[in-house]
Amino acid sequence: MRIAAEALHILAGLAAALAVTWVSAWAYPLGEKTIWTIGGVAMVLTVLMGINPLRRAIRVTRKRRRAHG
């Protein structure tokens, strides 16, 4: 369950970054290239920030499975 929660947090962050980037690029076409570049960076950072919590969740899940059988 922890793993799914962390994965969903990452996906939600990616969806939010994509939505904000898309709306921003639509609203300001002159800056579209820059907006998509920064949006892409935000999406990469979202994934990078989610890696450690996801790894922790995997570790906790494995420990619990070993302890219970």
N, C-alpha and C. Protein backbone atom coordinates (compact mmCIF):
# COMPACT_ATOMS: atom_id res chain seq x y z
N MET A 1 0.82 -1.20 0.00
CA MET A 1 0.00 0.00 0.00
C MET A 1 0.87 1.27 0.00
N ARG A 2 1.96 1.22 0.75
CA ARG A 2 2.84 2.39 0.80
C ARG A 2 3.45 2.68 -0.56
N ILE A 3 3.81 1.61 -1.26
CA ILE A 3 4.42 1.78 -2.57
C ILE A 3 3.43 2.44 -3.53
N ALA A 4 2.20 1.97 -3.50
CA ALA A 4 1.17 2.54 -4.37
C ALA A 4 0.93 4.01 -4.03
N ALA A 5 0.93 4.33 -2.74
CA ALA A 5 0.71 5.72 -2.33
C ALA A 5 1.83 6.63 -2.84
N GLU A 6 3.06 6.17 -2.70
CA GLU A 6 4.18 6.98 -3.18
C GLU A 6 4.16 7.13 -4.70
N ALA A 7 3.84 6.04 -5.39
CA ALA A 7 3.76 6.11 -6.86
C ALA A 7 2.64 7.06 -7.28
N LEU A 8 1.52 7.02 -6.57
CA LEU A 8 0.42 7.94 -6.90
C LEU A 8 0.80 9.39 -6.63
N HIS A 9 1.60 9.63 -5.58
CA HIS A 9 2.07 10.99 -5.33
C HIS A 9 2.93 11.50 -6.48
N ILE A 10 3.79 10.63 -6.98
CA ILE A 10 4.64 11.02 -8.11
C ILE A 10 3.77 11.30 -9.34
N LEU A 11 2.83 10.40 -9.61
CA LEU A 11 1.95 10.59 -10.78
C LEU A 11 1.11 11.85 -10.65
N ALA A 12 0.63 12.13 -9.45
CA ALA A 12 -0.16 13.34 -9.23
C ALA A 12 0.69 14.59 -9.46
N GLY A 13 1.93 14.55 -9.00
CA GLY A 13 2.83 15.68 -9.22
C GLY A 13 3.13 15.88 -10.69
N LEU A 14 3.31 14.78 -11.41
CA LEU A 14 3.55 14.88 -12.86
C LEU A 14 2.32 15.44 -13.58
N ALA A 15 1.15 14.97 -13.18
CA ALA A 15 -0.09 15.46 -13.80
C ALA A 15 -0.27 16.95 -13.54
N ALA A 16 0.02 17.37 -12.32
CA ALA A 16 -0.12 18.79 -11.98
C ALA A 16 0.88 19.64 -12.77
N ALA A 17 2.13 19.18 -12.84
CA ALA A 17 3.15 19.92 -13.59
C ALA A 17 2.78 19.99 -15.06
N LEU A 18 2.29 18.89 -15.60
CA LEU A 18 1.89 18.88 -17.01
C LEU A 18 0.72 19.83 -17.25
N ALA A 19 -0.25 19.82 -16.36
CA ALA A 19 -1.42 20.69 -16.53
C ALA A 19 -1.02 22.16 -16.46
N VAL A 20 -0.21 22.51 -15.48
CA VAL A 20 0.22 23.91 -15.33
C VAL A 20 1.07 24.33 -16.54
N THR A 21 1.94 23.45 -16.99
CA THR A 21 2.78 23.75 -18.15
C THR A 21 1.93 23.95 -19.40
N TRP A 22 1.00 23.04 -19.61
CA TRP A 22 0.14 23.12 -20.80
C TRP A 22 -0.68 24.42 -20.80
N VAL A 23 -1.30 24.72 -19.68
CA VAL A 23 -2.12 25.94 -19.60
C VAL A 23 -1.24 27.18 -19.77
N SER A 24 -0.07 27.17 -19.17
CA SER A 24 0.83 28.32 -19.29
C SER A 24 1.28 28.52 -20.73
N ALA A 25 1.64 27.43 -21.40
CA ALA A 25 2.07 27.52 -22.80
C ALA A 25 0.93 27.97 -23.70
N TRP A 26 -0.27 27.51 -23.39
CA TRP A 26 -1.44 27.92 -24.16
C TRP A 26 -1.73 29.41 -23.95
N ALA A 27 -1.58 29.86 -22.72
CA ALA A 27 -1.91 31.25 -22.38
C ALA A 27 -0.86 32.24 -22.89
N TYR A 28 0.36 31.79 -23.03
CA TYR A 28 1.43 32.69 -23.47
C TYR A 28 2.24 32.03 -24.58
N PRO A 29 1.69 32.03 -25.80
CA PRO A 29 2.34 31.33 -26.91
C PRO A 29 3.75 31.82 -27.25
N LEU A 30 4.04 33.09 -26.97
CA LEU A 30 5.38 33.61 -27.28
C LEU A 30 6.46 32.94 -26.43
N GLY A 31 6.08 32.48 -25.25
CA GLY A 31 7.05 31.85 -24.37
C GLY A 31 6.92 30.33 -24.33
N GLU A 32 6.23 29.78 -25.31
CA GLU A 32 5.89 28.35 -25.29
C GLU A 32 7.13 27.46 -25.13
N LYS A 33 8.18 27.73 -25.88
CA LYS A 33 9.37 26.88 -25.83
C LYS A 33 10.00 26.91 -24.43
N THR A 34 10.13 28.10 -23.89
CA THR A 34 10.72 28.25 -22.55
C THR A 34 9.83 27.61 -21.50
N ILE A 35 8.53 27.81 -21.62
CA ILE A 35 7.59 27.24 -20.66
C ILE A 35 7.67 25.72 -20.66
N TRP A 36 7.71 25.10 -21.86
CA TRP A 36 7.80 23.64 -21.92
C TRP A 36 9.14 23.14 -21.39
N THR A 37 10.20 23.91 -21.60
CA THR A 37 11.51 23.52 -21.06
C THR A 37 11.48 23.52 -19.53
N ILE A 38 10.97 24.59 -18.96
CA ILE A 38 10.89 24.69 -17.50
C ILE A 38 9.91 23.65 -16.95
N GLY A 39 8.81 23.42 -17.65
CA GLY A 39 7.86 22.39 -17.25
C GLY A 39 8.50 21.01 -17.25
N GLY A 40 9.31 20.74 -18.26
CA GLY A 40 10.02 19.47 -18.32
C GLY A 40 10.99 19.30 -17.15
N VAL A 41 11.68 20.37 -16.82
CA VAL A 41 12.59 20.35 -15.67
C VAL A 41 11.80 20.08 -14.39
N ALA A 42 10.65 20.74 -14.26
CA ALA A 42 9.81 20.53 -13.08
C ALA A 42 9.35 19.07 -12.99
N MET A 43 9.03 18.47 -14.12
CA MET A 43 8.59 17.07 -14.12
C MET A 43 9.73 16.14 -13.74
N VAL A 44 10.92 16.40 -14.25
CA VAL A 44 12.08 15.58 -13.88
C VAL A 44 12.35 15.71 -12.38
N LEU A 45 12.30 16.93 -11.86
CA LEU A 45 12.53 17.15 -10.43
C LEU A 45 11.45 16.48 -9.58
N THR A 46 10.23 16.47 -10.07
CA THR A 46 9.15 15.79 -9.35
C THR A 46 9.47 14.31 -9.20
N VAL A 47 9.94 13.70 -10.27
CA VAL A 47 10.30 12.27 -10.20
C VAL A 47 11.50 12.08 -9.27
N LEU A 48 12.51 12.92 -9.40
CA LEU A 48 13.69 12.79 -8.55
C LEU A 48 13.35 12.95 -7.06
N MET A 49 12.46 13.88 -6.75
CA MET A 49 12.07 14.06 -5.35
C MET A 49 11.25 12.89 -4.83
N GLY A 50 10.61 12.16 -5.71
CA GLY A 50 9.79 11.04 -5.28
C GLY A 50 10.55 9.73 -5.17
N ILE A 51 11.78 9.69 -5.65
CA ILE A 51 12.54 8.43 -5.65
C ILE A 51 12.85 7.95 -4.23
N ASN A 52 13.37 8.82 -3.37
CA ASN A 52 13.73 8.37 -2.02
C ASN A 52 12.52 7.90 -1.22
N PRO A 53 11.41 8.64 -1.20
CA PRO A 53 10.24 8.12 -0.50
C PRO A 53 9.76 6.78 -1.07
N LEU A 54 9.84 6.62 -2.38
CA LEU A 54 9.43 5.36 -3.01
C LEU A 54 10.38 4.23 -2.59
N ARG A 55 11.66 4.50 -2.57
CA ARG A 55 12.63 3.49 -2.13
C ARG A 55 12.41 3.10 -0.68
N ARG A 56 12.11 4.11 0.17
CA ARG A 56 11.81 3.81 1.58
C ARG A 56 10.58 2.94 1.71
N ALA A 57 9.56 3.24 0.93
CA ALA A 57 8.32 2.44 0.97
C ALA A 57 8.60 1.01 0.53
N ILE A 58 9.42 0.83 -0.48
CA ILE A 58 9.78 -0.52 -0.93
C ILE A 58 10.53 -1.26 0.17
N ARG A 59 11.46 -0.57 0.80
CA ARG A 59 12.25 -1.19 1.87
C ARG A 59 11.36 -1.61 3.04
N VAL A 60 10.45 -0.73 3.47
CA VAL A 60 9.54 -1.04 4.58
C VAL A 60 8.65 -2.23 4.21
N THR A 61 8.14 -2.24 3.00
CA THR A 61 7.27 -3.33 2.56
C THR A 61 8.02 -4.65 2.56
N ARG A 62 9.25 -4.65 2.08
CA ARG A 62 10.05 -5.88 2.08
C ARG A 62 10.33 -6.37 3.49
N LYS A 63 10.66 -5.44 4.40
CA LYS A 63 10.92 -5.83 5.79
C LYS A 63 9.68 -6.45 6.42
N ARG A 64 8.53 -5.85 6.17
CA ARG A 64 7.30 -6.39 6.75
C ARG A 64 6.96 -7.76 6.18
N ARG A 65 7.20 -7.96 4.90
CA ARG A 65 6.92 -9.27 4.28
C ARG A 65 7.84 -10.33 4.86
N ARG A 66 9.10 -9.98 5.07
CA ARG A 66 10.05 -10.94 5.65
C ARG A 66 9.67 -11.28 7.09
N ALA A 67 9.22 -10.27 7.83
CA ALA A 67 8.87 -10.48 9.24
C ALA A 67 7.60 -11.32 9.40
N HIS A 68 6.72 -11.24 8.42
CA HIS A 68 5.43 -11.95 8.53
C HIS A 68 5.40 -13.26 7.75
N GLY A 69 6.48 -13.64 7.21
CA GLY A 69 6.41 -14.95 6.58
C GLY A 69 7.18 -15.07 5.37
